[in-house]
Amino acid sequence: MSCYVYILGSRDGSGQRTYVGWTNDLEARLAKHNNGTGARSTRGRTWVLLYAERYLTRGPAMSREWHLKRDRKFRKALLDAL
């Protein structure tokens, strides 16, 4: 089963924000974030997929998620391109 690491972006009147996560089903996870049943920090915003990577197993995906959460410069560059 494939795993995905993803970065979401959102812009609204209160600013811009990114969210990094991992999942087995990218489309379903984005839908959950946008309908308010995803992570608590993503509720009340409209999210777009900025970036995704595919991995064969969960371990490497979770490791990459950890690194992307700490790479603010990369996430900012993705938001600026939005």
N, C-alpha and C. Protein backbone atom coordinates (compact mmCIF):
# COMPACT_ATOMS: atom_id res chain seq x y z
N MET A 1 0.85 -1.18 0.00
CA MET A 1 0.00 0.00 0.00
C MET A 1 0.89 1.25 0.00
N SER A 2 0.59 2.18 -0.86
CA SER A 2 1.36 3.42 -0.96
C SER A 2 1.01 4.38 0.16
N CYS A 3 1.99 5.15 0.56
CA CYS A 3 1.80 6.23 1.54
C CYS A 3 2.25 7.53 0.89
N TYR A 4 1.60 8.60 1.28
CA TYR A 4 1.91 9.91 0.72
C TYR A 4 2.22 10.89 1.83
N VAL A 5 3.21 11.73 1.59
CA VAL A 5 3.50 12.88 2.44
C VAL A 5 3.02 14.07 1.64
N TYR A 6 2.33 14.99 2.30
CA TYR A 6 1.74 16.10 1.57
C TYR A 6 1.88 17.41 2.33
N ILE A 7 1.83 18.49 1.57
CA ILE A 7 1.81 19.83 2.15
C ILE A 7 0.59 20.54 1.58
N LEU A 8 -0.22 21.06 2.49
CA LEU A 8 -1.40 21.83 2.11
C LEU A 8 -1.13 23.30 2.37
N GLY A 9 -1.78 24.16 1.62
CA GLY A 9 -1.66 25.59 1.81
C GLY A 9 -3.02 26.25 1.88
N SER A 10 -3.09 27.33 2.66
CA SER A 10 -4.33 28.07 2.80
C SER A 10 -4.01 29.55 2.97
N ARG A 11 -4.80 30.38 2.30
CA ARG A 11 -4.69 31.83 2.45
C ARG A 11 -6.08 32.38 2.70
N ASP A 12 -6.20 33.26 3.68
CA ASP A 12 -7.47 33.93 3.93
C ASP A 12 -7.17 35.29 4.56
N GLY A 13 -8.20 35.95 5.05
CA GLY A 13 -8.03 37.28 5.62
C GLY A 13 -7.10 37.34 6.82
N SER A 14 -6.95 36.21 7.52
CA SER A 14 -6.10 36.20 8.71
C SER A 14 -4.68 35.74 8.41
N GLY A 15 -4.34 35.57 7.14
CA GLY A 15 -2.97 35.21 6.79
C GLY A 15 -2.88 33.94 5.99
N GLN A 16 -1.68 33.41 5.95
CA GLN A 16 -1.42 32.19 5.19
C GLN A 16 -0.84 31.12 6.11
N ARG A 17 -1.07 29.87 5.75
CA ARG A 17 -0.67 28.77 6.61
C ARG A 17 -0.39 27.54 5.76
N THR A 18 0.51 26.68 6.26
CA THR A 18 0.75 25.39 5.63
C THR A 18 0.48 24.30 6.66
N TYR A 19 0.22 23.10 6.14
CA TYR A 19 0.02 21.93 6.99
C TYR A 19 0.73 20.76 6.32
N VAL A 20 1.49 20.01 7.10
CA VAL A 20 2.21 18.85 6.58
C VAL A 20 1.65 17.59 7.24
N GLY A 21 1.40 16.55 6.44
CA GLY A 21 0.89 15.30 6.99
C GLY A 21 1.23 14.13 6.09
N TRP A 22 0.80 12.94 6.50
CA TRP A 22 0.96 11.75 5.67
C TRP A 22 -0.34 10.96 5.69
N THR A 23 -0.57 10.19 4.63
CA THR A 23 -1.81 9.44 4.49
C THR A 23 -1.64 8.29 3.50
N ASN A 24 -2.63 7.40 3.49
CA ASN A 24 -2.67 6.34 2.49
C ASN A 24 -3.54 6.73 1.30
N ASP A 25 -4.45 7.68 1.50
CA ASP A 25 -5.39 8.11 0.45
C ASP A 25 -5.40 9.63 0.40
N LEU A 26 -4.66 10.18 -0.53
CA LEU A 26 -4.45 11.63 -0.62
C LEU A 26 -5.74 12.40 -0.88
N GLU A 27 -6.56 11.94 -1.80
CA GLU A 27 -7.80 12.66 -2.13
C GLU A 27 -8.78 12.67 -0.97
N ALA A 28 -8.92 11.53 -0.31
CA ALA A 28 -9.84 11.44 0.83
C ALA A 28 -9.35 12.31 1.99
N ARG A 29 -8.05 12.36 2.19
CA ARG A 29 -7.50 13.16 3.29
C ARG A 29 -7.71 14.65 3.04
N LEU A 30 -7.50 15.10 1.82
CA LEU A 30 -7.73 16.51 1.49
C LEU A 30 -9.20 16.86 1.71
N ALA A 31 -10.09 15.97 1.31
CA ALA A 31 -11.52 16.20 1.51
C ALA A 31 -11.85 16.31 3.00
N LYS A 32 -11.23 15.48 3.84
CA LYS A 32 -11.46 15.56 5.29
C LYS A 32 -11.00 16.91 5.85
N HIS A 33 -9.84 17.36 5.41
CA HIS A 33 -9.34 18.66 5.88
C HIS A 33 -10.30 19.78 5.49
N ASN A 34 -10.83 19.72 4.29
CA ASN A 34 -11.70 20.79 3.80
C ASN A 34 -13.12 20.74 4.35
N ASN A 35 -13.58 19.58 4.82
CA ASN A 35 -14.93 19.54 5.38
C ASN A 35 -14.95 19.61 6.91
N GLY A 36 -13.79 19.84 7.50
CA GLY A 36 -13.73 20.07 8.95
C GLY A 36 -13.57 18.83 9.80
N THR A 37 -13.32 17.67 9.21
CA THR A 37 -13.15 16.46 10.00
C THR A 37 -11.69 15.99 10.01
N GLY A 38 -10.79 16.80 9.49
CA GLY A 38 -9.36 16.46 9.50
C GLY A 38 -8.74 16.89 10.81
N ALA A 39 -7.48 17.19 10.78
CA ALA A 39 -6.76 17.64 11.97
C ALA A 39 -7.39 18.92 12.52
N ARG A 40 -7.35 19.05 13.81
CA ARG A 40 -7.98 20.21 14.47
C ARG A 40 -7.43 21.54 13.97
N SER A 41 -6.13 21.58 13.72
CA SER A 41 -5.50 22.83 13.28
C SER A 41 -5.89 23.24 11.86
N THR A 42 -6.55 22.36 11.12
CA THR A 42 -6.92 22.69 9.74
C THR A 42 -8.38 23.10 9.60
N ARG A 43 -9.14 23.04 10.65
CA ARG A 43 -10.57 23.33 10.57
C ARG A 43 -10.84 24.81 10.31
N GLY A 44 -11.89 25.08 9.52
CA GLY A 44 -12.30 26.45 9.26
C GLY A 44 -11.54 27.14 8.14
N ARG A 45 -10.74 26.41 7.40
CA ARG A 45 -9.98 26.97 6.28
C ARG A 45 -10.23 26.13 5.03
N THR A 46 -9.97 26.72 3.89
CA THR A 46 -10.01 25.99 2.64
C THR A 46 -8.57 25.69 2.24
N TRP A 47 -8.29 24.43 2.02
CA TRP A 47 -6.92 23.99 1.75
C TRP A 47 -6.77 23.53 0.31
N VAL A 48 -5.57 23.77 -0.24
CA VAL A 48 -5.21 23.26 -1.56
C VAL A 48 -3.92 22.45 -1.41
N LEU A 49 -3.80 21.42 -2.21
CA LEU A 49 -2.60 20.59 -2.20
C LEU A 49 -1.48 21.34 -2.90
N LEU A 50 -0.39 21.57 -2.18
CA LEU A 50 0.76 22.28 -2.74
C LEU A 50 1.84 21.31 -3.22
N TYR A 51 1.96 20.17 -2.53
CA TYR A 51 3.09 19.29 -2.78
C TYR A 51 2.78 17.91 -2.23
N ALA A 52 3.24 16.86 -2.91
CA ALA A 52 3.06 15.49 -2.42
C ALA A 52 4.21 14.61 -2.91
N GLU A 53 4.57 13.65 -2.08
CA GLU A 53 5.57 12.64 -2.42
C GLU A 53 4.97 11.27 -2.11
N ARG A 54 5.31 10.25 -2.89
CA ARG A 54 4.78 8.90 -2.70
C ARG A 54 5.88 7.99 -2.16
N TYR A 55 5.53 7.15 -1.19
CA TYR A 55 6.44 6.18 -0.61
C TYR A 55 5.77 4.81 -0.58
N LEU A 56 6.57 3.76 -0.59
CA LEU A 56 6.02 2.41 -0.60
C LEU A 56 5.55 1.95 0.78
N THR A 57 6.19 2.48 1.83
CA THR A 57 5.83 2.07 3.19
C THR A 57 5.68 3.29 4.10
N ARG A 58 5.11 3.06 5.26
CA ARG A 58 4.80 4.13 6.20
C ARG A 58 6.06 4.75 6.83
N GLY A 59 7.05 3.96 7.13
CA GLY A 59 8.25 4.46 7.82
C GLY A 59 8.93 5.62 7.12
N PRO A 60 9.32 5.45 5.86
CA PRO A 60 9.96 6.57 5.15
C PRO A 60 9.04 7.78 5.01
N ALA A 61 7.74 7.53 4.84
CA ALA A 61 6.78 8.64 4.72
C ALA A 61 6.74 9.46 6.01
N MET A 62 6.70 8.78 7.14
CA MET A 62 6.67 9.48 8.42
C MET A 62 7.96 10.23 8.69
N SER A 63 9.09 9.65 8.28
CA SER A 63 10.38 10.32 8.44
C SER A 63 10.43 11.59 7.59
N ARG A 64 9.97 11.49 6.35
CA ARG A 64 9.97 12.66 5.47
C ARG A 64 9.03 13.74 5.99
N GLU A 65 7.87 13.32 6.54
CA GLU A 65 6.95 14.28 7.13
C GLU A 65 7.64 15.07 8.23
N TRP A 66 8.38 14.39 9.08
CA TRP A 66 9.11 15.04 10.18
C TRP A 66 10.06 16.10 9.64
N HIS A 67 10.79 15.76 8.57
CA HIS A 67 11.74 16.72 7.99
C HIS A 67 11.04 17.90 7.33
N LEU A 68 9.94 17.63 6.62
CA LEU A 68 9.22 18.73 5.96
C LEU A 68 8.60 19.69 6.97
N LYS A 69 8.17 19.19 8.11
CA LYS A 69 7.60 20.07 9.13
C LYS A 69 8.62 21.07 9.65
N ARG A 70 9.89 20.72 9.57
CA ARG A 70 10.94 21.60 10.06
C ARG A 70 11.55 22.48 8.96
N ASP A 71 11.17 22.26 7.72
CA ASP A 71 11.72 23.02 6.60
C ASP A 71 10.78 24.18 6.25
N ARG A 72 10.79 25.20 7.05
CA ARG A 72 9.90 26.35 6.85
C ARG A 72 10.20 27.10 5.57
N LYS A 73 11.45 27.14 5.18
CA LYS A 73 11.83 27.85 3.96
C LYS A 73 11.18 27.21 2.73
N PHE A 74 11.19 25.89 2.67
CA PHE A 74 10.56 25.17 1.56
C PHE A 74 9.06 25.39 1.54
N ARG A 75 8.43 25.30 2.71
CA ARG A 75 6.98 25.50 2.80
C ARG A 75 6.59 26.92 2.42
N LYS A 76 7.40 27.91 2.80
CA LYS A 76 7.13 29.31 2.45
C LYS A 76 7.23 29.50 0.94
N ALA A 77 8.23 28.86 0.32
CA ALA A 77 8.38 28.97 -1.13
C ALA A 77 7.17 28.38 -1.85
N LEU A 78 6.64 27.28 -1.34
CA LEU A 78 5.43 26.70 -1.94
C LEU A 78 4.24 27.64 -1.81
N LEU A 79 4.10 28.27 -0.65
CA LEU A 79 2.99 29.21 -0.44
C LEU A 79 3.11 30.43 -1.35
N ASP A 80 4.32 30.91 -1.52
CA ASP A 80 4.53 32.08 -2.38
C ASP A 80 4.16 31.78 -3.83
N ALA A 81 4.28 30.52 -4.24
CA ALA A 81 3.94 30.13 -5.61
C ALA A 81 2.42 29.92 -5.76
N LEU A 82 1.70 29.90 -4.66
CA LEU A 82 0.25 29.66 -4.69
C LEU A 82 -0.51 30.80 -5.33
